[in-house]
Amino acid sequence: MPRELIAIAPRTPVLREYDDPALGERQVRIRTELASPKHGTELVAYRDEPANRRPYDPAWGAVMPRPATDGPPGFPRPLGNMAVGVVAEVGSAVGRFAVGDRVFGHFPIRETQTVDETAADPLPAGLTAEAAVCLDPAVMAMAMRDARIGLGDRVAVFGLGAIGLMAVQLARLAGAARVIAVDPLPARRRVALALGADVALDPLGADADVGLAIRRLSGIPAPPAPDVPGPDRIVGGYREVQTQVGNLGVDVAIEAAGSAAALHHAIRATRFGGTVCVLSFSGGDAASLRLGDEFHFNRLHLISARAQSLPLRGHPAWTLARLVDTTLAWLVSGRLRADGIVTPVVSFADSVAAYRAIDEHPEQSIKLGITFP
């Protein structure tokens, strides 16, 4: 019998046998070659973090608490986000695929996938399986279009998981003149530099006040202007203080870490009137986010960007389909690269320990890849 990787309880992955269902006339059965999980959003549910118990209700446009249950919601739950495989069987009415075709799609980590033919896409010629499973983080990063990075802008990317590493490249494609990457893990910083970042900083090391470190790297103070009202001028009973920081700080900060501390330093790193774009899904609380600091004083634009919250800000010209098609074309052409992102790559037999490690030892991975015999 085939097997699948599932979580039977929070932080409890196991391999479980299952039966393949009878094949419908418009279904295909796929033999999986490579699968990969989503390290951010998927882990929020896997850990049963607080956000897992507060689902978004589109009817209300608000997060609503789940009804009380005897246990954590959603378990057992499948694990995995994307997979590449070979069509092994086709239903009698299938027209898109033939046996032997290589395909990919949003599939869980299991030995076979039995899906409607529309759920899979042909693997483009020249696209590696590793690059194909990076389509999802690349699409998620493409939501940073909302930040409107301009030609010559300075950009900082906080969090160098798969989405952050795609964001580093997209910032450059958007015209950024300088891209600063931030992550505590050395392996991720090295990949960011290889993918085009100018500088990679360690927020837990010498650059612990990384927001201020970025300000030092990204501008010079403006000289005092004699015609600017000084700090002692009183207007209508209010003390008038003109900001004198010139162009210190980045024009745009991208937060892809899912960390309140990262968001705080993204805000701290951004120039007066700049933009902070939040790509991540944070499952926990935000005690380290201090909105009484730079956020209060520097007139920042704070943007929530999400590829799957529709319609997109660019609608109707930009749809999710256009976002996906553009991203896939860039992966195929090499404008977006997946080099070094899918690591480690382990066998399906070792997937339980490997999945547990992405939660307990994040320094050992960027985006886990699982191969099948």
Protein backbone atom coordinates (compact mmCIF):
# COMPACT_ATOMS: atom_id res chain seq x y z
CA MET A 1 0.00 0.00 0.00
CA PRO A 2 1.21 3.57 -0.67
CA ARG A 3 2.12 5.83 2.24
CA GLU A 4 1.74 9.52 3.07
CA LEU A 5 3.31 11.92 5.54
CA ILE A 6 0.72 13.37 7.91
CA ALA A 7 0.57 15.04 11.32
CA ILE A 8 -1.62 13.06 13.71
CA ALA A 9 -1.30 15.76 16.40
CA PRO A 10 0.62 19.03 16.82
CA ARG A 11 4.30 18.48 16.02
CA THR A 12 3.73 14.74 15.49
CA PRO A 13 4.50 13.65 11.91
CA VAL A 14 4.12 9.99 10.91
CA LEU A 15 4.03 7.85 7.78
CA ARG A 16 0.61 6.28 7.24
CA GLU A 17 -0.66 3.80 4.67
CA TYR A 18 -3.66 4.64 2.51
CA ASP A 19 -5.68 3.11 -0.31
CA ASP A 20 -5.69 4.65 -3.76
CA PRO A 21 -9.29 5.39 -4.76
CA ALA A 22 -10.83 4.15 -7.97
CA LEU A 23 -9.83 6.44 -10.83
CA GLY A 24 -12.57 8.75 -12.10
CA GLU A 25 -13.00 9.32 -15.84
CA ARG A 26 -11.41 12.78 -15.69
CA GLN A 27 -8.82 11.94 -13.08
CA VAL A 28 -5.13 11.12 -13.30
CA ARG A 29 -2.97 9.11 -10.95
CA ILE A 30 0.48 10.59 -10.43
CA ARG A 31 3.53 8.80 -9.05
CA THR A 32 5.35 11.41 -6.95
CA GLU A 33 9.03 12.11 -7.64
CA LEU A 34 9.73 15.18 -5.47
CA ALA A 35 7.58 16.90 -2.84
CA SER A 36 8.12 19.87 -0.56
CA PRO A 37 6.30 21.49 2.38
CA LYS A 38 5.63 25.16 3.03
CA HIS A 39 7.83 26.16 5.97
CA GLY A 40 5.87 29.22 7.08
CA THR A 41 2.08 28.99 6.88
CA GLU A 42 2.03 25.19 7.04
CA LEU A 43 4.06 25.15 10.25
CA VAL A 44 1.60 27.50 11.97
CA ALA A 45 -1.04 24.78 11.67
CA TYR A 46 1.44 21.95 12.32
CA ARG A 47 2.43 23.59 15.63
CA ASP A 48 -1.17 24.58 16.40
CA GLU A 49 -0.08 28.17 17.02
CA PRO A 50 -2.75 30.65 18.19
CA ALA A 51 -3.60 31.73 14.63
CA ASN A 52 -4.58 28.15 13.82
CA ARG A 53 -7.55 28.56 16.17
CA ARG A 54 -8.65 31.88 14.68
CA PRO A 55 -9.64 31.18 11.06
CA TYR A 56 -10.46 33.97 8.64
CA ASP A 57 -14.14 34.14 7.73
CA PRO A 58 -14.54 35.70 4.25
CA ALA A 59 -18.24 36.31 4.88
CA TRP A 60 -17.34 38.67 7.74
CA GLY A 61 -13.96 39.79 6.39
CA ALA A 62 -12.65 39.09 9.86
CA VAL A 63 -10.90 36.44 11.92
CA MET A 64 -13.40 34.50 14.01
CA PRO A 65 -12.64 32.11 16.89
CA ARG A 66 -13.28 28.44 16.28
CA PRO A 67 -15.94 26.73 18.40
CA ALA A 68 -14.46 24.94 21.38
CA THR A 69 -13.43 21.35 20.64
CA ASP A 70 -11.94 18.51 22.60
CA GLY A 71 -8.61 18.76 20.77
CA PRO A 72 -6.62 20.91 18.37
CA PRO A 73 -8.52 21.58 15.12
CA GLY A 74 -7.55 19.98 11.85
CA PHE A 75 -5.75 16.83 13.02
CA PRO A 76 -4.82 14.48 11.59
CA ARG A 77 -3.76 16.74 8.72
CA PRO A 78 -1.83 16.18 5.48
CA LEU A 79 1.59 17.78 5.17
CA GLY A 80 3.20 19.27 2.09
CA ASN A 81 2.58 22.03 -0.41
CA MET A 82 3.84 21.16 -3.90
CA ALA A 83 4.99 18.05 -5.73
CA VAL A 84 6.33 16.91 -9.08
CA GLY A 85 5.59 13.49 -10.52
CA VAL A 86 4.86 11.25 -13.51
CA VAL A 87 1.38 10.37 -14.73
CA ALA A 88 0.93 6.63 -14.09
CA GLU A 89 -2.75 6.22 -15.01
CA VAL A 90 -5.40 8.29 -16.77
CA GLY A 91 -9.18 8.17 -16.69
CA SER A 92 -11.18 7.36 -19.79
CA ALA A 93 -12.09 11.02 -20.52
CA VAL A 94 -8.74 12.65 -19.72
CA GLY A 95 -7.51 14.84 -22.56
CA ARG A 96 -4.67 16.88 -21.06
CA PHE A 97 -2.23 14.12 -20.19
CA ALA A 98 -0.93 10.74 -21.23
CA VAL A 99 0.84 8.09 -19.18
CA GLY A 100 4.47 9.09 -18.74
CA ASP A 101 3.92 12.87 -18.77
CA ARG A 102 5.75 14.80 -16.06
CA VAL A 103 3.48 17.14 -14.12
CA PHE A 104 3.44 19.31 -11.00
CA GLY A 105 0.90 20.92 -8.72
CA HIS A 106 -0.17 21.78 -5.19
CA PHE A 107 -0.09 18.27 -3.74
CA PRO A 108 0.68 16.76 -0.30
CA ILE A 109 3.67 14.60 0.57
CA ARG A 110 2.50 11.15 -0.45
CA GLU A 111 3.59 8.45 -2.86
CA THR A 112 0.67 8.91 -5.27
CA GLN A 113 -1.72 11.72 -6.14
CA THR A 114 -5.19 10.97 -7.52
CA VAL A 115 -6.65 14.25 -8.77
CA ASP A 116 -8.80 15.81 -11.45
CA GLU A 117 -6.73 16.50 -14.55
CA THR A 118 -7.21 20.25 -14.05
CA ALA A 119 -5.38 20.09 -10.70
CA ALA A 120 -2.06 19.27 -12.38
CA ASP A 121 0.03 21.21 -14.89
CA PRO A 122 2.62 19.93 -17.35
CA LEU A 123 6.19 20.42 -16.17
CA PRO A 124 7.69 22.93 -18.64
CA ALA A 125 10.72 21.81 -20.62
CA GLY A 126 13.90 22.94 -18.92
CA LEU A 127 12.30 23.48 -15.51
CA THR A 128 13.82 21.30 -12.81
CA ALA A 129 11.68 19.62 -10.20
CA GLU A 130 13.40 21.73 -7.53
CA ALA A 131 12.47 24.95 -9.34
CA ALA A 132 8.90 23.73 -9.88
CA VAL A 133 8.25 23.27 -6.15
CA CYS A 134 9.56 26.83 -5.68
CA LEU A 135 6.69 28.22 -7.75
CA ASP A 136 4.55 28.65 -4.63
CA PRO A 137 7.06 30.76 -2.64
CA ALA A 138 7.79 32.75 -5.79
CA VAL A 139 4.08 33.53 -6.30
CA MET A 140 3.73 34.44 -2.63
CA ALA A 141 6.70 36.79 -2.96
CA MET A 142 5.21 38.37 -6.11
CA ALA A 143 2.55 39.91 -3.88
CA MET A 144 5.25 42.44 -2.95
CA ARG A 145 4.21 44.25 -6.14
CA ASP A 146 1.94 46.10 -3.72
CA ALA A 147 5.03 47.77 -2.22
CA ARG A 148 5.69 49.53 -5.55
CA ILE A 149 9.46 49.30 -5.49
CA GLY A 150 10.85 51.91 -7.87
CA LEU A 151 13.95 52.32 -9.99
CA GLY A 152 16.94 53.05 -7.79
CA ASP A 153 15.17 52.22 -4.52
CA ARG A 154 16.97 50.76 -1.55
CA VAL A 155 15.26 47.62 -0.27
CA ALA A 156 15.73 45.41 2.79
CA VAL A 157 14.32 41.87 2.95
CA PHE A 158 13.81 40.40 6.43
CA GLY A 159 13.63 36.59 6.54
CA LEU A 160 15.45 34.46 3.98
CA GLY A 161 13.32 31.39 3.72
CA ALA A 162 12.10 30.43 0.26
CA ILE A 163 9.75 33.44 0.03
CA GLY A 164 12.39 35.87 1.26
CA LEU A 165 15.00 34.55 -1.18
CA MET A 166 12.53 35.04 -4.01
CA ALA A 167 11.81 38.55 -2.68
CA VAL A 168 15.53 39.39 -2.85
CA GLN A 169 15.51 38.57 -6.57
CA LEU A 170 12.18 40.28 -7.26
CA ALA A 171 13.40 43.48 -5.60
CA ARG A 172 16.28 43.55 -8.06
CA LEU A 173 13.98 42.80 -11.00
CA ALA A 174 11.75 45.69 -9.88
CA GLY A 175 14.69 48.09 -10.18
CA ALA A 176 16.18 48.24 -6.67
CA ALA A 177 19.67 49.72 -6.68
CA ARG A 178 20.63 48.13 -3.36
CA VAL A 179 19.21 45.04 -1.68
CA ILE A 180 20.01 44.24 1.94
CA ALA A 181 19.12 40.75 3.19
CA VAL A 182 18.55 39.91 6.87
CA ASP A 183 18.44 36.50 8.54
CA PRO A 184 20.08 34.91 11.61
CA LEU A 185 21.02 31.72 9.72
CA PRO A 186 24.40 31.80 7.91
CA ALA A 187 23.41 29.32 5.17
CA ARG A 188 20.45 31.47 4.19
CA ARG A 189 22.56 34.62 4.10
CA ARG A 190 25.04 32.89 1.79
CA VAL A 191 22.26 31.88 -0.62
CA ALA A 192 20.88 35.44 -0.57
CA LEU A 193 24.26 36.82 -1.59
CA ALA A 194 24.52 34.24 -4.37
CA LEU A 195 21.06 35.26 -5.61
CA GLY A 196 21.89 38.95 -5.80
CA ALA A 197 21.76 40.62 -2.38
CA ASP A 198 24.41 43.30 -1.91
CA VAL A 199 24.72 42.78 1.84
CA ALA A 200 23.49 40.08 4.24
CA LEU A 201 23.15 40.94 7.93
CA ASP A 202 22.82 38.78 11.05
CA PRO A 203 20.17 40.26 13.38
CA LEU A 204 21.40 38.14 16.29
CA GLY A 205 25.12 38.79 15.87
CA ALA A 206 27.18 41.92 15.34
CA ASP A 207 24.18 43.57 13.69
CA ALA A 208 21.82 42.95 16.62
CA ASP A 209 20.25 46.40 16.20
CA VAL A 210 19.74 45.56 12.56
CA GLY A 211 17.29 48.37 11.89
CA LEU A 212 19.93 50.92 12.86
CA ALA A 213 22.64 48.99 11.02
CA ILE A 214 20.58 49.25 7.83
CA ARG A 215 20.18 52.98 8.35
CA ARG A 216 23.97 53.29 8.54
CA LEU A 217 24.27 51.35 5.27
CA SER A 218 21.57 53.13 3.33
CA GLY A 219 21.98 56.86 3.31
CA ILE A 220 23.61 59.90 4.86
CA PRO A 221 22.05 62.45 7.18
CA ALA A 222 20.78 65.64 5.56
CA PRO A 223 22.64 68.79 6.60
CA PRO A 224 20.58 71.23 8.66
CA ALA A 225 18.77 73.74 6.44
CA PRO A 226 18.74 77.30 7.78
CA ASP A 227 15.21 77.96 6.55
CA VAL A 228 13.76 74.89 8.27
CA PRO A 229 11.88 75.68 11.47
CA GLY A 230 13.90 74.61 14.48
CA PRO A 231 12.71 72.32 17.22
CA ASP A 232 11.90 75.23 19.53
CA ARG A 233 9.36 76.92 17.28
CA ILE A 234 5.84 76.91 18.69
CA VAL A 235 2.93 77.04 16.24
CA GLY A 236 -0.59 77.34 17.63
CA GLY A 237 0.60 75.86 20.88
CA TYR A 238 2.26 72.84 19.18
CA ARG A 239 5.99 72.29 19.11
CA GLU A 240 7.07 72.09 15.46
CA VAL A 241 9.88 69.63 14.79
CA GLN A 242 11.12 69.11 11.24
CA THR A 243 12.55 65.65 10.55
CA GLN A 244 16.27 66.02 9.77
CA VAL A 245 17.25 62.48 8.81
CA GLY A 246 17.67 63.10 5.08
CA ASN A 247 17.55 59.81 3.21
CA LEU A 248 18.61 57.53 6.05
CA GLY A 249 16.94 54.12 5.82
CA VAL A 250 15.62 51.97 3.01
CA ASP A 251 12.79 53.07 0.77
CA VAL A 252 11.04 49.70 1.13
CA ALA A 253 11.37 46.92 3.71
CA ILE A 254 9.91 43.49 2.99
CA GLU A 255 9.05 41.39 6.05
CA ALA A 256 9.03 37.68 5.15
CA ALA A 257 10.14 36.23 8.48
CA GLY A 258 6.84 35.75 10.31
CA SER A 259 8.48 37.35 13.33
CA ALA A 260 7.29 40.36 15.30
CA ALA A 261 10.91 41.27 16.03
CA ALA A 262 11.67 41.22 12.30
CA LEU A 263 8.70 43.49 11.61
CA HIS A 264 9.86 45.88 14.33
CA HIS A 265 13.31 46.16 12.76
CA ALA A 266 11.85 46.43 9.27
CA ILE A 267 9.97 49.48 10.53
CA ARG A 268 13.11 50.79 12.26
CA ALA A 269 15.13 50.38 9.04
CA THR A 270 12.72 52.29 6.79
CA ARG A 271 13.18 55.96 5.93
CA PHE A 272 10.71 58.69 6.84
CA GLY A 273 7.66 58.20 4.60
CA GLY A 274 8.87 54.82 3.31
CA THR A 275 7.00 51.56 2.89
CA VAL A 276 6.98 48.38 4.97
CA CYS A 277 5.43 45.42 3.17
CA VAL A 278 4.42 42.37 5.22
CA LEU A 279 4.45 39.13 3.21
CA SER A 280 4.58 36.67 6.08
CA PHE A 281 1.85 34.92 8.05
CA SER A 282 2.62 35.28 11.74
CA GLY A 283 1.06 32.63 13.93
CA GLY A 284 2.06 33.99 17.34
CA ASP A 285 1.85 37.13 19.42
CA ALA A 286 3.76 40.38 18.86
CA ALA A 287 5.25 41.46 22.18
CA SER A 288 8.46 42.66 20.48
CA LEU A 289 6.62 44.94 18.04
CA ARG A 290 6.87 48.47 19.47
CA LEU A 291 4.51 50.72 17.55
CA GLY A 292 5.37 53.68 19.76
CA ASP A 293 8.86 53.87 18.24
CA GLU A 294 9.76 54.64 14.61
CA PHE A 295 6.33 53.61 13.32
CA HIS A 296 4.72 56.43 15.27
CA PHE A 297 7.17 59.14 14.23
CA ASN A 298 8.20 58.36 10.65
CA ARG A 299 4.90 58.48 8.75
CA LEU A 300 5.37 55.00 7.29
CA HIS A 301 3.15 53.14 4.85
CA LEU A 302 2.43 49.67 6.25
CA ILE A 303 1.08 47.26 3.62
CA SER A 304 -0.26 43.74 4.01
CA ALA A 305 0.45 41.82 0.79
CA ARG A 306 -1.02 38.40 0.02
CA ALA A 307 -1.27 36.73 -3.38
CA GLN A 308 -4.43 34.78 -2.50
CA SER A 309 -6.49 37.62 -1.03
CA LEU A 310 -8.55 38.46 -4.08
CA PRO A 311 -9.08 40.68 -5.94
CA LEU A 312 -5.47 41.83 -6.16
CA ARG A 313 -4.72 45.53 -5.84
CA GLY A 314 -3.96 45.62 -9.57
CA HIS A 315 -7.31 44.04 -10.52
CA PRO A 316 -8.63 43.66 -13.20
CA ALA A 317 -5.32 43.88 -15.06
CA TRP A 318 -3.63 41.66 -12.48
CA THR A 319 -5.27 38.41 -11.48
CA LEU A 320 -3.93 35.40 -9.60
CA ALA A 321 -3.63 33.58 -12.93
CA ARG A 322 -1.46 36.37 -14.35
CA LEU A 323 0.66 36.36 -11.21
CA VAL A 324 1.22 32.59 -11.53
CA ASP A 325 1.87 32.69 -15.28
CA THR A 326 4.40 35.51 -14.95
CA THR A 327 6.23 33.82 -12.09
CA LEU A 328 6.37 30.46 -13.84
CA ALA A 329 7.72 32.07 -17.00
CA TRP A 330 10.47 33.77 -14.99
CA LEU A 331 11.42 30.49 -13.33
CA VAL A 332 11.58 28.75 -16.71
CA SER A 333 13.66 31.56 -18.26
CA GLY A 334 16.01 31.82 -15.29
CA ARG A 335 15.09 35.41 -14.41
CA LEU A 336 14.07 33.88 -11.07
CA ARG A 337 16.41 31.22 -9.74
CA ALA A 338 15.88 28.43 -7.23
CA ASP A 339 19.60 27.64 -6.79
CA GLY A 340 20.32 26.56 -3.23
CA ILE A 341 16.74 26.99 -1.99
CA VAL A 342 15.59 23.36 -1.89
CA THR A 343 17.81 22.02 0.85
CA PRO A 344 18.15 19.49 2.33
CA VAL A 345 16.82 16.83 -0.03
CA VAL A 346 16.02 13.55 1.75
CA SER A 347 14.38 10.27 0.88
CA PHE A 348 10.70 9.67 1.68
CA ALA A 349 11.80 6.99 4.15
CA ASP A 350 13.55 9.72 6.16
CA SER A 351 10.78 12.30 5.83
CA VAL A 352 9.41 12.04 9.39
CA ALA A 353 12.68 13.08 11.01
CA ALA A 354 13.36 15.63 8.28
CA TYR A 355 9.95 17.28 8.69
CA ARG A 356 10.36 17.43 12.44
CA ALA A 357 13.73 19.09 11.91
CA ILE A 358 12.35 22.01 9.88
CA ASP A 359 10.38 22.94 13.00
CA GLU A 360 12.94 22.08 15.69
CA HIS A 361 16.19 22.84 13.81
CA PRO A 362 15.44 25.51 11.19
CA GLU A 363 19.15 26.14 10.75
CA GLN A 364 19.36 22.82 8.90
CA SER A 365 17.07 23.74 6.01
CA ILE A 366 15.68 26.41 3.72
CA LYS A 367 12.99 24.47 1.84
CA LEU A 368 12.87 20.72 2.47
CA GLY A 369 12.79 18.45 -0.57
CA ILE A 370 11.59 14.83 -0.32
CA THR A 371 12.39 12.32 -3.07
CA PHE A 372 10.48 9.13 -3.81
CA PRO A 373 11.86 5.83 -5.15
